[in-house]
C-alpha atoms as a PDB file:
ATOM      1  CA  GLU A   1     124.826 142.527 135.525  1.00  0.00           C
ATOM      2  CA  VAL A   2     125.080 138.888 134.523  1.00  0.00           C
ATOM      3  CA  GLN A   3     128.679 137.854 133.944  1.00  0.00           C
ATOM      4  CA  LEU A   4     130.460 134.603 133.207  1.00  0.00           C
ATOM      5  CA  GLN A   5     134.228 134.461 133.346  1.00  0.00           C
ATOM      6  CA  ALA A   6     135.924 131.438 131.813  1.00  0.00           C
ATOM      7  CA  SER A   7     139.543 130.786 132.726  1.00  0.00           C
ATOM      8  CA  GLY A   8     142.148 128.067 132.991  1.00  0.00           C
ATOM      9  CA  GLY A   9     143.021 127.560 129.360  1.00  0.00           C
ATOM     10  CA  GLY A  10     146.548 127.268 128.106  1.00  0.00           C
ATOM     11  CA  LEU A  11     149.043 125.233 126.139  1.00  0.00           C
ATOM     12  CA  VAL A  12     149.451 121.590 127.066  1.00  0.00           C
ATOM     13  CA  GLN A  13     151.027 118.551 125.491  1.00  0.00           C
ATOM     14  CA  ALA A  14     148.925 115.682 124.239  1.00  0.00           C
ATOM     15  CA  GLY A  15     147.950 113.443 127.115  1.00  0.00           C
ATOM     16  CA  GLY A  16     148.016 116.317 129.571  1.00  0.00           C
ATOM     17  CA  SER A  17     145.279 117.874 131.666  1.00  0.00           C
ATOM     18  CA  LEU A  18     143.728 121.248 132.281  1.00  0.00           C
ATOM     19  CA  ARG A  19     140.946 122.457 134.522  1.00  0.00           C
ATOM     20  CA  LEU A  20     138.723 125.207 133.259  1.00  0.00           C
ATOM     21  CA  SER A  21     136.678 127.388 135.575  1.00  0.00           C
ATOM     22  CA  CYS A  22     133.557 129.383 134.884  1.00  0.00           C
ATOM     23  CA  ALA A  23     132.881 131.996 137.548  1.00  0.00           C
ATOM     24  CA  ALA A  24     129.409 133.489 137.510  1.00  0.00           C
ATOM     25  CA  SER A  25     127.918 136.626 139.001  1.00  0.00           C
ATOM     26  CA  GLY A  26     124.797 138.740 138.750  1.00  0.00           C
ATOM     27  CA  PHE A  27     122.196 135.992 139.159  1.00  0.00           C
ATOM     28  CA  ILE A  28     121.166 133.230 141.577  1.00  0.00           C
ATOM     29  CA  PHE A  29     123.690 130.667 140.418  1.00  0.00           C
ATOM     30  CA  ASP A  30     122.025 127.639 142.036  1.00  0.00           C
ATOM     31  CA  ASP A  31     118.897 127.954 139.875  1.00  0.00           C
ATOM     32  CA  TYR A  32     120.469 127.693 136.451  1.00  0.00           C
ATOM     33  CA  CYS A  33     122.299 125.234 134.260  1.00  0.00           C
ATOM     34  CA  ILE A  34     125.800 125.858 133.027  1.00  0.00           C
ATOM     35  CA  GLY A  35     127.062 124.535 129.734  1.00  0.00           C
ATOM     36  CA  TRP A  36     130.497 124.218 128.183  1.00  0.00           C
ATOM     37  CA  PHE A  37     131.026 124.722 124.493  1.00  0.00           C
ATOM     38  CA  ARG A  38     134.039 124.911 122.245  1.00  0.00           C
ATOM     39  CA  GLN A  39     134.832 126.230 118.823  1.00  0.00           C
ATOM     40  CA  ALA A  40     137.856 125.303 116.797  1.00  0.00           C
ATOM     41  CA  PRO A  41     139.031 127.413 113.848  1.00  0.00           C
ATOM     42  CA  GLY A  42     136.877 126.781 110.806  1.00  0.00           C
ATOM     43  CA  LYS A  43     134.449 124.583 112.735  1.00  0.00           C
ATOM     44  CA  GLU A  44     131.028 125.074 114.202  1.00  0.00           C
ATOM     45  CA  ARG A  45     130.566 125.575 117.886  1.00  0.00           C
ATOM     46  CA  GLU A  46     130.169 122.266 119.717  1.00  0.00           C
ATOM     47  CA  ALA A  47     128.312 121.659 122.968  1.00  0.00           C
ATOM     48  CA  ILE A  48     130.578 119.417 125.008  1.00  0.00           C
ATOM     49  CA  SER A  49     129.170 119.337 128.532  1.00  0.00           C
ATOM     50  CA  SER A  50     126.538 120.699 130.844  1.00  0.00           C
ATOM     51  CA  ILE A  51     125.522 120.440 134.457  1.00  0.00           C
ATOM     52  CA  GLY A  52     122.079 120.916 135.889  1.00  0.00           C
ATOM     53  CA  SER A  53     121.137 123.390 138.558  1.00  0.00           C
ATOM     54  CA  ARG A  54     119.828 121.590 141.622  1.00  0.00           C
ATOM     55  CA  ASP A  55     119.796 117.987 140.382  1.00  0.00           C
ATOM     56  CA  GLY A  56     123.411 117.958 139.210  1.00  0.00           C
ATOM     57  CA  SER A  57     122.554 116.062 136.034  1.00  0.00           C
ATOM     58  CA  THR A  58     125.330 116.085 133.478  1.00  0.00           C
ATOM     59  CA  PHE A  59     125.798 115.796 129.751  1.00  0.00           C
ATOM     60  CA  TYR A  60     128.921 114.934 127.804  1.00  0.00           C
ATOM     61  CA  ALA A  61     129.425 114.899 124.080  1.00  0.00           C
ATOM     62  CA  ASN A  62     130.779 111.644 122.719  1.00  0.00           C
ATOM     63  CA  SER A  63     133.974 113.449 121.769  1.00  0.00           C
ATOM     64  CA  VAL A  64     134.845 114.113 125.431  1.00  0.00           C
ATOM     65  CA  LYS A  65     133.018 111.377 127.320  1.00  0.00           C
ATOM     66  CA  GLY A  66     135.302 109.517 129.675  1.00  0.00           C
ATOM     67  CA  ARG A  67     137.967 112.235 129.539  1.00  0.00           C
ATOM     68  CA  PHE A  68     136.203 115.382 130.754  1.00  0.00           C
ATOM     69  CA  THR A  69     134.341 115.857 134.017  1.00  0.00           C
ATOM     70  CA  VAL A  70     132.049 118.765 134.841  1.00  0.00           C
ATOM     71  CA  SER A  71     131.281 119.843 138.387  1.00  0.00           C
ATOM     72  CA  ARG A  72     129.886 122.848 140.175  1.00  0.00           C
ATOM     73  CA  ASP A  73     130.518 124.567 143.471  1.00  0.00           C
ATOM     74  CA  ASN A  74     127.414 126.578 144.229  1.00  0.00           C
ATOM     75  CA  ALA A  75     129.061 128.185 147.267  1.00  0.00           C
ATOM     76  CA  ARG A  76     131.656 129.700 144.932  1.00  0.00           C
ATOM     77  CA  ASN A  77     129.293 130.307 141.985  1.00  0.00           C
ATOM     78  CA  THR A  78     131.720 128.360 139.855  1.00  0.00           C
ATOM     79  CA  VAL A  79     131.566 125.463 137.453  1.00  0.00           C
ATOM     80  CA  TYR A  80     134.649 123.451 136.577  1.00  0.00           C
ATOM     81  CA  LEU A  81     135.580 121.347 133.578  1.00  0.00           C
ATOM     82  CA  GLN A  82     138.361 118.893 134.319  1.00  0.00           C
ATOM     83  CA  MET A  83     139.932 117.849 131.037  1.00  0.00           C
ATOM     84  CA  ASN A  84     142.185 114.805 130.997  1.00  0.00           C
ATOM     85  CA  SER A  85     143.939 112.913 128.215  1.00  0.00           C
ATOM     86  CA  LEU A  86     143.837 115.993 126.021  1.00  0.00           C
ATOM     87  CA  GLN A  87     144.433 115.522 122.329  1.00  0.00           C
ATOM     88  CA  PRO A  88     145.279 117.981 119.541  1.00  0.00           C
ATOM     89  CA  GLU A  89     141.684 117.773 118.327  1.00  0.00           C
ATOM     90  CA  ASP A  90     140.623 119.324 121.633  1.00  0.00           C
ATOM     91  CA  THR A  91     142.294 122.581 120.589  1.00  0.00           C
ATOM     92  CA  ALA A  92     139.635 125.271 120.572  1.00  0.00           C
ATOM     93  CA  VAL A  93     138.287 128.290 122.370  1.00  0.00           C
ATOM     94  CA  TYR A  94     136.177 127.053 125.266  1.00  0.00           C
ATOM     95  CA  TYR A  95     133.125 128.963 126.412  1.00  0.00           C
ATOM     96  CA  CYS A  96     130.716 128.605 129.282  1.00  0.00           C
ATOM     97  CA  ALA A  97     127.110 129.703 129.143  1.00  0.00           C
ATOM     98  CA  THR A  98     124.070 129.775 131.387  1.00  0.00           C
ATOM     99  CA  THR A  99     120.375 129.176 130.953  1.00  0.00           C
ATOM    100  CA  PHE A 100     119.615 132.366 132.892  1.00  0.00           C
ATOM    101  CA  PRO A 101     116.913 133.750 132.888  1.00  0.00           C
ATOM    102  CA  TYR A 102     115.274 130.345 132.283  1.00  0.00           C
ATOM    103  CA  PRO A 103     115.401 128.323 135.549  1.00  0.00           C
ATOM    104  CA  VAL A 104     115.995 124.973 133.889  1.00  0.00           C
ATOM    105  CA  THR A 105     116.784 122.208 136.357  1.00  0.00           C
ATOM    106  CA  SER A 106     118.248 119.728 133.895  1.00  0.00           C
ATOM    107  CA  CYS A 107     119.930 120.705 130.660  1.00  0.00           C
ATOM    108  CA  THR A 108     121.196 117.371 129.372  1.00  0.00           C
ATOM    109  CA  ALA A 109     119.392 118.120 126.101  1.00  0.00           C
ATOM    110  CA  VAL A 110     121.823 120.937 125.414  1.00  0.00           C
ATOM    111  CA  THR A 111     120.514 121.761 121.949  1.00  0.00           C
ATOM    112  CA  ARG A 112     116.975 122.208 123.262  1.00  0.00           C
ATOM    113  CA  VAL A 113     117.945 124.713 125.917  1.00  0.00           C
ATOM    114  CA  THR A 114     118.338 128.439 125.427  1.00  0.00           C
ATOM    115  CA  TRP A 115     121.768 129.740 126.353  1.00  0.00           C
ATOM    116  CA  ASP A 116     121.454 133.500 126.567  1.00  0.00           C
ATOM    117  CA  TYR A 117     124.569 134.522 128.452  1.00  0.00           C
ATOM    118  CA  TRP A 118     128.099 133.572 127.514  1.00  0.00           C
ATOM    119  CA  GLY A 119     131.542 133.992 128.937  1.00  0.00           C
ATOM    120  CA  GLN A 120     134.365 135.459 126.889  1.00  0.00           C
ATOM    121  CA  GLY A 121     136.109 132.161 126.136  1.00  0.00           C
ATOM    122  CA  THR A 122     139.464 130.689 127.065  1.00  0.00           C
ATOM    123  CA  GLN A 123     141.919 129.220 124.583  1.00  0.00           C
ATOM    124  CA  VAL A 124     143.016 125.617 124.928  1.00  0.00           C
ATOM    125  CA  THR A 125     145.861 124.474 122.718  1.00  0.00           C
ATOM    126  CA  VAL A 126     147.056 120.885 122.726  1.00  0.00           C
ATOM    127  CA  SER A 127     150.341 120.143 121.007  1.00  0.00           C
ATOM    128  CA  ASN A 128     151.632 116.838 119.707  1.00  0.00           C
END
């Protein structure tokens, strides 16, 4: 069974940091892209970052570029999203997703890739 488990969310003050984790199981992790998305109340879901499978290519939305860093540890089947300089507008539920069963090497064009499996989401709240 394909599973993605997002964790690491919480409440943080503006300017603070959090590191989200996305632990995957049930498929050959190395062969698939992982993406990070977020959805704030009343807003559409936003693709904020992705990391390729074997080439390690990355994508960042303009809203997080320079503040967030995505990385993956294939030995642990885990992708991380380091979030620095958090602002209240970063408050949202954060989700990770995978391109499984499509073995896409690079997923920098996040809107052109099919994301079939999603984690359950982790809440990030940034206070003033």
